[in-house]
mmCIF file of all heavy atoms, coordinates in Angstrom:
data_MODEL
# 
_entry.id   MODEL 
# 
loop_
_atom_site.group_PDB 
_atom_site.id 
_atom_site.type_symbol 
_atom_site.label_atom_id 
_atom_site.label_alt_id 
_atom_site.label_comp_id 
_atom_site.label_asym_id 
_atom_site.label_entity_id 
_atom_site.label_seq_id 
_atom_site.pdbx_PDB_ins_code 
_atom_site.Cartn_x 
_atom_site.Cartn_y 
_atom_site.Cartn_z 
_atom_site.occupancy 
_atom_site.B_iso_or_equiv 
_atom_site.pdbx_formal_charge 
_atom_site.auth_seq_id 
_atom_site.auth_comp_id 
_atom_site.auth_asym_id 
_atom_site.auth_atom_id 
_atom_site.pdbx_PDB_model_num 
ATOM 1   N N   . ILE A 1 1  ? -1.931  3.355  0.790  1.00 0.00 ? 1  ILE A N   1 
ATOM 2   C CA  . ILE A 1 1  ? -2.369  2.211  1.636  1.00 0.00 ? 1  ILE A CA  1 
ATOM 3   C C   . ILE A 1 1  ? -3.920  2.355  1.821  1.00 0.00 ? 1  ILE A C   1 
ATOM 4   O O   . ILE A 1 1  ? -4.643  1.392  1.651  1.00 0.00 ? 1  ILE A O   1 
ATOM 5   C CB  . ILE A 1 1  ? -1.643  2.218  2.886  1.00 0.00 ? 1  ILE A CB  1 
ATOM 6   C CG1 . ILE A 1 1  ? -0.193  1.702  2.644  1.00 0.00 ? 1  ILE A CG1 1 
ATOM 7   C CG2 . ILE A 1 1  ? -2.375  1.449  4.049  1.00 0.00 ? 1  ILE A CG2 1 
ATOM 8   C CD1 . ILE A 1 1  ? 0.782   1.849  3.897  1.00 0.00 ? 1  ILE A CD1 1 
ATOM 9   N N   . PRO A 1 2  ? -4.477  3.416  2.353  1.00 0.00 ? 2  PRO A N   1 
ATOM 10  C CA  . PRO A 1 2  ? -5.962  3.534  2.664  1.00 0.00 ? 2  PRO A CA  1 
ATOM 11  C C   . PRO A 1 2  ? -6.924  3.502  1.212  1.00 0.00 ? 2  PRO A C   1 
ATOM 12  O O   . PRO A 1 2  ? -7.807  2.892  1.264  1.00 0.00 ? 2  PRO A O   1 
ATOM 13  C CB  . PRO A 1 2  ? -6.145  4.789  3.262  1.00 0.00 ? 2  PRO A CB  1 
ATOM 14  C CG  . PRO A 1 2  ? -4.944  5.687  2.873  1.00 0.00 ? 2  PRO A CG  1 
ATOM 15  C CD  . PRO A 1 2  ? -3.821  4.675  2.737  1.00 0.00 ? 2  PRO A CD  1 
ATOM 16  N N   . PHE A 1 3  ? -6.147  3.923  0.135  1.00 0.00 ? 3  PHE A N   1 
ATOM 17  C CA  . PHE A 1 3  ? -6.980  3.909  -1.174 1.00 0.00 ? 3  PHE A CA  1 
ATOM 18  C C   . PHE A 1 3  ? -6.949  2.453  -1.659 1.00 0.00 ? 3  PHE A C   1 
ATOM 19  O O   . PHE A 1 3  ? -8.098  2.041  -2.120 1.00 0.00 ? 3  PHE A O   1 
ATOM 20  C CB  . PHE A 1 3  ? -6.290  4.727  -2.161 1.00 0.00 ? 3  PHE A CB  1 
ATOM 21  C CG  . PHE A 1 3  ? -6.825  6.092  -2.240 1.00 0.00 ? 3  PHE A CG  1 
ATOM 22  C CD1 . PHE A 1 3  ? -6.465  7.041  -1.232 1.00 0.00 ? 3  PHE A CD1 1 
ATOM 23  C CD2 . PHE A 1 3  ? -7.753  6.466  -3.178 1.00 0.00 ? 3  PHE A CD2 1 
ATOM 24  C CE1 . PHE A 1 3  ? -7.036  8.400  -1.273 1.00 0.00 ? 3  PHE A CE1 1 
ATOM 25  C CE2 . PHE A 1 3  ? -8.273  7.766  -3.171 1.00 0.00 ? 3  PHE A CE2 1 
ATOM 26  C CZ  . PHE A 1 3  ? -7.868  8.707  -2.242 1.00 0.00 ? 3  PHE A CZ  1 
ATOM 27  N N   . VAL A 1 4  ? -6.031  1.678  -1.414 1.00 0.00 ? 4  VAL A N   1 
ATOM 28  C CA  . VAL A 1 4  ? -6.017  0.153  -1.763 1.00 0.00 ? 4  VAL A CA  1 
ATOM 29  C C   . VAL A 1 4  ? -7.099  -0.486 -0.859 1.00 0.00 ? 4  VAL A C   1 
ATOM 30  O O   . VAL A 1 4  ? -7.965  -1.214 -1.348 1.00 0.00 ? 4  VAL A O   1 
ATOM 31  C CB  . VAL A 1 4  ? -4.683  -0.474 -1.642 1.00 0.00 ? 4  VAL A CB  1 
ATOM 32  C CG1 . VAL A 1 4  ? -4.813  -1.956 -1.828 1.00 0.00 ? 4  VAL A CG1 1 
ATOM 33  C CG2 . VAL A 1 4  ? -3.732  0.121  -2.769 1.00 0.00 ? 4  VAL A CG2 1 
ATOM 34  N N   . LEU A 1 5  ? -7.111  -0.183 0.374  1.00 0.00 ? 5  LEU A N   1 
ATOM 35  C CA  . LEU A 1 5  ? -7.985  -0.807 1.352  1.00 0.00 ? 5  LEU A CA  1 
ATOM 36  C C   . LEU A 1 5  ? -9.411  -0.387 0.962  1.00 0.00 ? 5  LEU A C   1 
ATOM 37  O O   . LEU A 1 5  ? -10.319 -1.210 1.008  1.00 0.00 ? 5  LEU A O   1 
ATOM 38  C CB  . LEU A 1 5  ? -7.692  -0.333 2.748  1.00 0.00 ? 5  LEU A CB  1 
ATOM 39  C CG  . LEU A 1 5  ? -6.522  -0.973 3.469  1.00 0.00 ? 5  LEU A CG  1 
ATOM 40  C CD1 . LEU A 1 5  ? -6.267  -0.131 4.792  1.00 0.00 ? 5  LEU A CD1 1 
ATOM 41  C CD2 . LEU A 1 5  ? -6.798  -2.426 3.813  1.00 0.00 ? 5  LEU A CD2 1 
ATOM 42  N N   . ALA A 1 6  ? -9.675  0.880  0.681  1.00 0.00 ? 6  ALA A N   1 
ATOM 43  C CA  . ALA A 1 6  ? -10.980 1.306  0.293  1.00 0.00 ? 6  ALA A CA  1 
ATOM 44  C C   . ALA A 1 6  ? -11.497 0.507  -1.021 1.00 0.00 ? 6  ALA A C   1 
ATOM 45  O O   . ALA A 1 6  ? -12.681 0.338  -1.150 1.00 0.00 ? 6  ALA A O   1 
ATOM 46  C CB  . ALA A 1 6  ? -10.945 2.794  0.165  1.00 0.00 ? 6  ALA A CB  1 
ATOM 47  N N   . PHE A 1 7  ? -10.633 0.485  -1.930 1.00 0.00 ? 7  PHE A N   1 
ATOM 48  C CA  . PHE A 1 7  ? -10.995 -0.255 -3.229 1.00 0.00 ? 7  PHE A CA  1 
ATOM 49  C C   . PHE A 1 7  ? -11.479 -1.667 -2.945 1.00 0.00 ? 7  PHE A C   1 
ATOM 50  O O   . PHE A 1 7  ? -12.540 -2.048 -3.562 1.00 0.00 ? 7  PHE A O   1 
ATOM 51  C CB  . PHE A 1 7  ? -9.775  -0.136 -4.188 1.00 0.00 ? 7  PHE A CB  1 
ATOM 52  C CG  . PHE A 1 7  ? -10.106 -0.821 -5.522 1.00 0.00 ? 7  PHE A CG  1 
ATOM 53  C CD1 . PHE A 1 7  ? -10.849 0.007  -6.453 1.00 0.00 ? 7  PHE A CD1 1 
ATOM 54  C CD2 . PHE A 1 7  ? -9.853  -2.023 -5.852 1.00 0.00 ? 7  PHE A CD2 1 
ATOM 55  C CE1 . PHE A 1 7  ? -11.111 -0.625 -7.738 1.00 0.00 ? 7  PHE A CE1 1 
ATOM 56  C CE2 . PHE A 1 7  ? -10.066 -2.682 -6.954 1.00 0.00 ? 7  PHE A CE2 1 
ATOM 57  C CZ  . PHE A 1 7  ? -10.771 -1.907 -7.936 1.00 0.00 ? 7  PHE A CZ  1 
ATOM 58  N N   . VAL A 1 8  ? -10.828 -2.328 -2.004 1.00 0.00 ? 8  VAL A N   1 
ATOM 59  C CA  . VAL A 1 8  ? -11.121 -3.747 -1.683 1.00 0.00 ? 8  VAL A CA  1 
ATOM 60  C C   . VAL A 1 8  ? -12.433 -3.758 -0.872 1.00 0.00 ? 8  VAL A C   1 
ATOM 61  O O   . VAL A 1 8  ? -13.339 -4.611 -1.141 1.00 0.00 ? 8  VAL A O   1 
ATOM 62  C CB  . VAL A 1 8  ? -10.024 -4.456 -0.925 1.00 0.00 ? 8  VAL A CB  1 
ATOM 63  C CG1 . VAL A 1 8  ? -10.448 -5.837 -0.510 1.00 0.00 ? 8  VAL A CG1 1 
ATOM 64  C CG2 . VAL A 1 8  ? -8.850  -4.522 -1.845 1.00 0.00 ? 8  VAL A CG2 1 
ATOM 65  N N   . LEU A 1 9  ? -12.457 -2.823 0.197  1.00 0.00 ? 9  LEU A N   1 
ATOM 66  C CA  . LEU A 1 9  ? -13.735 -2.884 0.945  1.00 0.00 ? 9  LEU A CA  1 
ATOM 67  C C   . LEU A 1 9  ? -14.891 -2.305 0.365  1.00 0.00 ? 9  LEU A C   1 
ATOM 68  O O   . LEU A 1 9  ? -16.036 -2.350 0.909  1.00 0.00 ? 9  LEU A O   1 
ATOM 69  C CB  . LEU A 1 9  ? -13.253 -1.959 2.268  1.00 0.00 ? 9  LEU A CB  1 
ATOM 70  C CG  . LEU A 1 9  ? -12.284 -2.725 3.179  1.00 0.00 ? 9  LEU A CG  1 
ATOM 71  C CD1 . LEU A 1 9  ? -11.862 -1.691 4.267  1.00 0.00 ? 9  LEU A CD1 1 
ATOM 72  C CD2 . LEU A 1 9  ? -12.814 -3.977 3.791  1.00 0.00 ? 9  LEU A CD2 1 
ATOM 73  N N   . ASN A 1 10 ? -14.760 -1.584 -0.736 1.00 0.00 ? 10 ASN A N   1 
ATOM 74  C CA  . ASN A 1 10 ? -15.938 -0.949 -1.425 1.00 0.00 ? 10 ASN A CA  1 
ATOM 75  C C   . ASN A 1 10 ? -16.839 -2.077 -1.748 1.00 0.00 ? 10 ASN A C   1 
ATOM 76  O O   . ASN A 1 10 ? -18.084 -1.824 -2.073 1.00 0.00 ? 10 ASN A O   1 
ATOM 77  C CB  . ASN A 1 10 ? -15.392 -0.148 -2.592 1.00 0.00 ? 10 ASN A CB  1 
ATOM 78  C CG  . ASN A 1 10 ? -16.373 0.730  -3.147 1.00 0.00 ? 10 ASN A CG  1 
ATOM 79  O OD1 . ASN A 1 10 ? -17.196 1.331  -2.494 1.00 0.00 ? 10 ASN A OD1 1 
ATOM 80  N ND2 . ASN A 1 10 ? -16.603 0.761  -4.452 1.00 0.00 ? 10 ASN A ND2 1 
ATOM 81  N N   . TYR A 1 11 ? -16.428 -3.359 -2.013 1.00 0.00 ? 11 TYR A N   1 
ATOM 82  C CA  . TYR A 1 11 ? -17.327 -4.350 -2.299 1.00 0.00 ? 11 TYR A CA  1 
ATOM 83  C C   . TYR A 1 11 ? -18.321 -4.763 -1.180 1.00 0.00 ? 11 TYR A C   1 
ATOM 84  O O   . TYR A 1 11 ? -19.219 -5.429 -1.401 1.00 0.00 ? 11 TYR A O   1 
ATOM 85  C CB  . TYR A 1 11 ? -16.478 -5.648 -2.811 1.00 0.00 ? 11 TYR A CB  1 
ATOM 86  C CG  . TYR A 1 11 ? -15.926 -5.208 -4.178 1.00 0.00 ? 11 TYR A CG  1 
ATOM 87  C CD1 . TYR A 1 11 ? -14.566 -4.901 -4.271 1.00 0.00 ? 11 TYR A CD1 1 
ATOM 88  C CD2 . TYR A 1 11 ? -16.601 -5.333 -5.305 1.00 0.00 ? 11 TYR A CD2 1 
ATOM 89  C CE1 . TYR A 1 11 ? -13.841 -4.682 -5.382 1.00 0.00 ? 11 TYR A CE1 1 
ATOM 90  C CE2 . TYR A 1 11 ? -15.951 -5.092 -6.631 1.00 0.00 ? 11 TYR A CE2 1 
ATOM 91  C CZ  . TYR A 1 11 ? -14.679 -4.779 -6.588 1.00 0.00 ? 11 TYR A CZ  1 
ATOM 92  O OH  . TYR A 1 11 ? -14.013 -4.552 -7.766 1.00 0.00 ? 11 TYR A OH  1 
ATOM 93  N N   . ILE A 1 12 ? -17.869 -4.344 0.077  1.00 0.00 ? 12 ILE A N   1 
ATOM 94  C CA  . ILE A 1 12 ? -18.737 -4.491 1.300  1.00 0.00 ? 12 ILE A CA  1 
ATOM 95  C C   . ILE A 1 12 ? -19.761 -3.335 1.096  1.00 0.00 ? 12 ILE A C   1 
ATOM 96  O O   . ILE A 1 12 ? -19.306 -2.285 1.364  1.00 0.00 ? 12 ILE A O   1 
ATOM 97  C CB  . ILE A 1 12 ? -17.946 -4.508 2.525  1.00 0.00 ? 12 ILE A CB  1 
ATOM 98  C CG1 . ILE A 1 12 ? -16.782 -5.572 2.525  1.00 0.00 ? 12 ILE A CG1 1 
ATOM 99  C CG2 . ILE A 1 12 ? -18.942 -4.664 3.710  1.00 0.00 ? 12 ILE A CG2 1 
ATOM 100 C CD1 . ILE A 1 12 ? -16.020 -5.623 3.688  1.00 0.00 ? 12 ILE A CD1 1 
ATOM 101 N N   . GLN A 1 13 ? -20.944 -3.707 0.960  1.00 0.00 ? 13 GLN A N   1 
ATOM 102 C CA  . GLN A 1 13 ? -21.964 -2.650 0.790  1.00 0.00 ? 13 GLN A CA  1 
ATOM 103 C C   . GLN A 1 13 ? -22.417 -2.085 2.137  1.00 0.00 ? 13 GLN A C   1 
ATOM 104 O O   . GLN A 1 13 ? -23.602 -1.759 2.372  1.00 0.00 ? 13 GLN A O   1 
ATOM 105 C CB  . GLN A 1 13 ? -23.194 -3.099 -0.011 1.00 0.00 ? 13 GLN A CB  1 
ATOM 106 C CG  . GLN A 1 13 ? -22.792 -3.599 -1.380 1.00 0.00 ? 13 GLN A CG  1 
ATOM 107 C CD  . GLN A 1 13 ? -22.204 -2.487 -2.259 1.00 0.00 ? 13 GLN A CD  1 
ATOM 108 O OE1 . GLN A 1 13 ? -22.824 -1.436 -2.293 1.00 0.00 ? 13 GLN A OE1 1 
ATOM 109 N NE2 . GLN A 1 13 ? -21.040 -2.704 -2.989 1.00 0.00 ? 13 GLN A NE2 1 
ATOM 110 N N   . ILE A 1 14 ? -21.636 -1.930 3.120  1.00 0.00 ? 14 ILE A N   1 
ATOM 111 C CA  . ILE A 1 14 ? -21.933 -1.284 4.386  1.00 0.00 ? 14 ILE A CA  1 
ATOM 112 C C   . ILE A 1 14 ? -20.887 -0.237 4.677  1.00 0.00 ? 14 ILE A C   1 
ATOM 113 O O   . ILE A 1 14 ? -19.757 -0.445 5.151  1.00 0.00 ? 14 ILE A O   1 
ATOM 114 C CB  . ILE A 1 14 ? -21.941 -2.369 5.567  1.00 0.00 ? 14 ILE A CB  1 
ATOM 115 C CG1 . ILE A 1 14 ? -22.756 -3.596 5.227  1.00 0.00 ? 14 ILE A CG1 1 
ATOM 116 C CG2 . ILE A 1 14 ? -22.334 -1.683 6.862  1.00 0.00 ? 14 ILE A CG2 1 
ATOM 117 C CD1 . ILE A 1 14 ? -22.850 -4.694 6.288  1.00 0.00 ? 14 ILE A CD1 1 
ATOM 118 N N   . GLU A 1 15 ? -21.155 0.993  4.325  1.00 0.00 ? 15 GLU A N   1 
ATOM 119 C CA  . GLU A 1 15 ? -20.206 2.103  4.240  1.00 0.00 ? 15 GLU A CA  1 
ATOM 120 C C   . GLU A 1 15 ? -19.643 2.377  5.629  1.00 0.00 ? 15 GLU A C   1 
ATOM 121 O O   . GLU A 1 15 ? -18.442 2.727  5.749  1.00 0.00 ? 15 GLU A O   1 
ATOM 122 C CB  . GLU A 1 15 ? -20.847 3.171  3.556  1.00 0.00 ? 15 GLU A CB  1 
ATOM 123 C CG  . GLU A 1 15 ? -21.143 3.020  2.173  1.00 0.00 ? 15 GLU A CG  1 
ATOM 124 C CD  . GLU A 1 15 ? -21.915 4.197  1.340  1.00 0.00 ? 15 GLU A CD  1 
ATOM 125 O OE1 . GLU A 1 15 ? -22.112 5.178  2.091  1.00 0.00 ? 15 GLU A OE1 1 
ATOM 126 O OE2 . GLU A 1 15 ? -22.100 4.060  0.234  1.00 0.00 ? 15 GLU A OE2 1 
ATOM 127 N N   . ILE A 1 16 ? -20.468 2.440  6.721  1.00 0.00 ? 16 ILE A N   1 
ATOM 128 C CA  . ILE A 1 16 ? -19.871 2.730  7.987  1.00 0.00 ? 16 ILE A CA  1 
ATOM 129 C C   . ILE A 1 16 ? -18.955 1.676  8.401  1.00 0.00 ? 16 ILE A C   1 
ATOM 130 O O   . ILE A 1 16 ? -17.799 2.234  8.850  1.00 0.00 ? 16 ILE A O   1 
ATOM 131 C CB  . ILE A 1 16 ? -21.157 2.782  9.115  1.00 0.00 ? 16 ILE A CB  1 
ATOM 132 C CG1 . ILE A 1 16 ? -22.110 3.938  8.693  1.00 0.00 ? 16 ILE A CG1 1 
ATOM 133 C CG2 . ILE A 1 16 ? -20.579 2.931  10.368 1.00 0.00 ? 16 ILE A CG2 1 
ATOM 134 C CD1 . ILE A 1 16 ? -23.343 3.903  9.544  1.00 0.00 ? 16 ILE A CD1 1 
ATOM 135 N N   . ILE A 1 17 ? -19.213 0.494  8.319  1.00 0.00 ? 17 ILE A N   1 
ATOM 136 C CA  . ILE A 1 17 ? -18.187 -0.526 8.691  1.00 0.00 ? 17 ILE A CA  1 
ATOM 137 C C   . ILE A 1 17 ? -16.970 -0.355 7.886  1.00 0.00 ? 17 ILE A C   1 
ATOM 138 O O   . ILE A 1 17 ? -15.859 -0.447 8.324  1.00 0.00 ? 17 ILE A O   1 
ATOM 139 C CB  . ILE A 1 17 ? -18.721 -2.026 8.586  1.00 0.00 ? 17 ILE A CB  1 
ATOM 140 C CG1 . ILE A 1 17 ? -19.913 -2.134 9.599  1.00 0.00 ? 17 ILE A CG1 1 
ATOM 141 C CG2 . ILE A 1 17 ? -17.692 -3.012 8.657  1.00 0.00 ? 17 ILE A CG2 1 
ATOM 142 C CD1 . ILE A 1 17 ? -20.613 -3.508 9.461  1.00 0.00 ? 17 ILE A CD1 1 
ATOM 143 N N   . SER A 1 18 ? -17.019 -0.204 6.506  1.00 0.00 ? 18 SER A N   1 
ATOM 144 C CA  . SER A 1 18 ? -16.009 -0.110 5.692  1.00 0.00 ? 18 SER A CA  1 
ATOM 145 C C   . SER A 1 18 ? -15.046 1.187  6.047  1.00 0.00 ? 18 SER A C   1 
ATOM 146 O O   . SER A 1 18 ? -13.785 1.041  6.054  1.00 0.00 ? 18 SER A O   1 
ATOM 147 C CB  . SER A 1 18 ? -16.337 0.204  4.170  1.00 0.00 ? 18 SER A CB  1 
ATOM 148 O OG  . SER A 1 18 ? -16.903 -1.141 3.736  1.00 0.00 ? 18 SER A OG  1 
ATOM 149 N N   . SER A 1 19 ? -15.728 2.297  6.524  1.00 0.00 ? 19 SER A N   1 
ATOM 150 C CA  . SER A 1 19 ? -15.074 3.454  6.804  1.00 0.00 ? 19 SER A CA  1 
ATOM 151 C C   . SER A 1 19 ? -14.109 3.211  8.154  1.00 0.00 ? 19 SER A C   1 
ATOM 152 O O   . SER A 1 19 ? -13.010 3.663  8.183  1.00 0.00 ? 19 SER A O   1 
ATOM 153 C CB  . SER A 1 19 ? -16.039 4.630  7.121  1.00 0.00 ? 19 SER A CB  1 
ATOM 154 O OG  . SER A 1 19 ? -16.782 4.918  5.890  1.00 0.00 ? 19 SER A OG  1 
ATOM 155 N N   . ILE A 1 20 ? -14.765 2.581  9.107  1.00 0.00 ? 20 ILE A N   1 
ATOM 156 C CA  . ILE A 1 20 ? -14.042 2.156  10.339 1.00 0.00 ? 20 ILE A CA  1 
ATOM 157 C C   . ILE A 1 20 ? -12.887 1.347  10.031 1.00 0.00 ? 20 ILE A C   1 
ATOM 158 O O   . ILE A 1 20 ? -11.710 1.472  10.552 1.00 0.00 ? 20 ILE A O   1 
ATOM 159 C CB  . ILE A 1 20 ? -14.992 1.518  11.396 1.00 0.00 ? 20 ILE A CB  1 
ATOM 160 C CG1 . ILE A 1 20 ? -15.970 2.493  11.830 1.00 0.00 ? 20 ILE A CG1 1 
ATOM 161 C CG2 . ILE A 1 20 ? -14.204 1.049  12.523 1.00 0.00 ? 20 ILE A CG2 1 
ATOM 162 C CD1 . ILE A 1 20 ? -17.063 1.917  12.535 1.00 0.00 ? 20 ILE A CD1 1 
ATOM 163 N N   . LEU A 1 21 ? -13.067 0.248  9.157  1.00 0.00 ? 21 LEU A N   1 
ATOM 164 C CA  . LEU A 1 21 ? -11.966 -0.570 8.795  1.00 0.00 ? 21 LEU A CA  1 
ATOM 165 C C   . LEU A 1 21 ? -10.884 0.065  8.144  1.00 0.00 ? 21 LEU A C   1 
ATOM 166 O O   . LEU A 1 21 ? -9.637  -0.173 8.337  1.00 0.00 ? 21 LEU A O   1 
ATOM 167 C CB  . LEU A 1 21 ? -12.490 -1.782 7.931  1.00 0.00 ? 21 LEU A CB  1 
ATOM 168 C CG  . LEU A 1 21 ? -13.269 -2.706 8.638  1.00 0.00 ? 21 LEU A CG  1 
ATOM 169 C CD1 . LEU A 1 21 ? -14.086 -3.781 7.714  1.00 0.00 ? 21 LEU A CD1 1 
ATOM 170 C CD2 . LEU A 1 21 ? -12.587 -3.519 9.872  1.00 0.00 ? 21 LEU A CD2 1 
ATOM 171 N N   . ILE A 1 22 ? -11.124 0.925  7.219  1.00 0.00 ? 22 ILE A N   1 
ATOM 172 C CA  . ILE A 1 22 ? -10.149 1.634  6.541  1.00 0.00 ? 22 ILE A CA  1 
ATOM 173 C C   . ILE A 1 22 ? -9.155  2.495  7.442  1.00 0.00 ? 22 ILE A C   1 
ATOM 174 O O   . ILE A 1 22 ? -8.048  2.476  7.269  1.00 0.00 ? 22 ILE A O   1 
ATOM 175 C CB  . ILE A 1 22 ? -10.850 2.710  5.465  1.00 0.00 ? 22 ILE A CB  1 
ATOM 176 C CG1 . ILE A 1 22 ? -11.428 2.089  4.346  1.00 0.00 ? 22 ILE A CG1 1 
ATOM 177 C CG2 . ILE A 1 22 ? -9.713  3.752  5.005  1.00 0.00 ? 22 ILE A CG2 1 
ATOM 178 C CD1 . ILE A 1 22 ? -12.343 2.845  3.461  1.00 0.00 ? 22 ILE A CD1 1 
ATOM 179 N N   . ILE A 1 23 ? -9.687  3.076  8.539  1.00 0.00 ? 23 ILE A N   1 
ATOM 180 C CA  . ILE A 1 23 ? -9.012  3.888  9.443  1.00 0.00 ? 23 ILE A CA  1 
ATOM 181 C C   . ILE A 1 23 ? -8.130  2.836  10.344 1.00 0.00 ? 23 ILE A C   1 
ATOM 182 O O   . ILE A 1 23 ? -6.872  3.126  10.479 1.00 0.00 ? 23 ILE A O   1 
ATOM 183 C CB  . ILE A 1 23 ? -9.862  4.694  10.296 1.00 0.00 ? 23 ILE A CB  1 
ATOM 184 C CG1 . ILE A 1 23 ? -10.545 5.737  9.515  1.00 0.00 ? 23 ILE A CG1 1 
ATOM 185 C CG2 . ILE A 1 23 ? -9.184  5.357  11.531 1.00 0.00 ? 23 ILE A CG2 1 
ATOM 186 C CD1 . ILE A 1 23 ? -11.631 6.654  10.206 1.00 0.00 ? 23 ILE A CD1 1 
ATOM 187 N N   . LEU A 1 24 ? -8.776  1.798  10.906 1.00 0.00 ? 24 LEU A N   1 
ATOM 188 C CA  . LEU A 1 24 ? -8.079  0.970  11.758 1.00 0.00 ? 24 LEU A CA  1 
ATOM 189 C C   . LEU A 1 24 ? -6.910  0.176  11.035 1.00 0.00 ? 24 LEU A C   1 
ATOM 190 O O   . LEU A 1 24 ? -5.767  0.051  11.493 1.00 0.00 ? 24 LEU A O   1 
ATOM 191 C CB  . LEU A 1 24 ? -9.129  0.002  12.458 1.00 0.00 ? 24 LEU A CB  1 
ATOM 192 C CG  . LEU A 1 24 ? -10.067 0.544  13.451 1.00 0.00 ? 24 LEU A CG  1 
ATOM 193 C CD1 . LEU A 1 24 ? -11.063 -0.451 13.953 1.00 0.00 ? 24 LEU A CD1 1 
ATOM 194 C CD2 . LEU A 1 24 ? -9.407  1.297  14.502 1.00 0.00 ? 24 LEU A CD2 1 
ATOM 195 N N   . ILE A 1 25 ? -7.303  -0.322 9.912  1.00 0.00 ? 25 ILE A N   1 
ATOM 196 C CA  . ILE A 1 25 ? -6.239  -1.248 9.180  1.00 0.00 ? 25 ILE A CA  1 
ATOM 197 C C   . ILE A 1 25 ? -5.111  -0.334 8.675  1.00 0.00 ? 25 ILE A C   1 
ATOM 198 O O   . ILE A 1 25 ? -4.016  -0.749 8.683  1.00 0.00 ? 25 ILE A O   1 
ATOM 199 C CB  . ILE A 1 25 ? -6.999  -1.963 7.997  1.00 0.00 ? 25 ILE A CB  1 
ATOM 200 C CG1 . ILE A 1 25 ? -8.049  -2.963 8.572  1.00 0.00 ? 25 ILE A CG1 1 
ATOM 201 C CG2 . ILE A 1 25 ? -6.002  -2.724 7.235  1.00 0.00 ? 25 ILE A CG2 1 
ATOM 202 C CD1 . ILE A 1 25 ? -8.781  -3.635 7.529  1.00 0.00 ? 25 ILE A CD1 1 
ATOM 203 N N   . SER A 1 26 ? -5.387  0.881  8.172  1.00 0.00 ? 26 SER A N   1 
ATOM 204 C CA  . SER A 1 26 ? -4.579  1.865  7.621  1.00 0.00 ? 26 SER A CA  1 
ATOM 205 C C   . SER A 1 26 ? -3.521  2.086  8.737  1.00 0.00 ? 26 SER A C   1 
ATOM 206 O O   . SER A 1 26 ? -2.136  2.060  8.526  1.00 0.00 ? 26 SER A O   1 
ATOM 207 C CB  . SER A 1 26 ? -5.094  3.185  7.291  1.00 0.00 ? 26 SER A CB  1 
ATOM 208 O OG  . SER A 1 26 ? -5.897  2.897  6.150  1.00 0.00 ? 26 SER A OG  1 
# 
């Protein structure tokens, strides 16, 4: 689950926001 999310969010070039979203959505 978090790896799929990270793969999708990796296209957002804002790593801090992506990291927070990975945790919350997971």
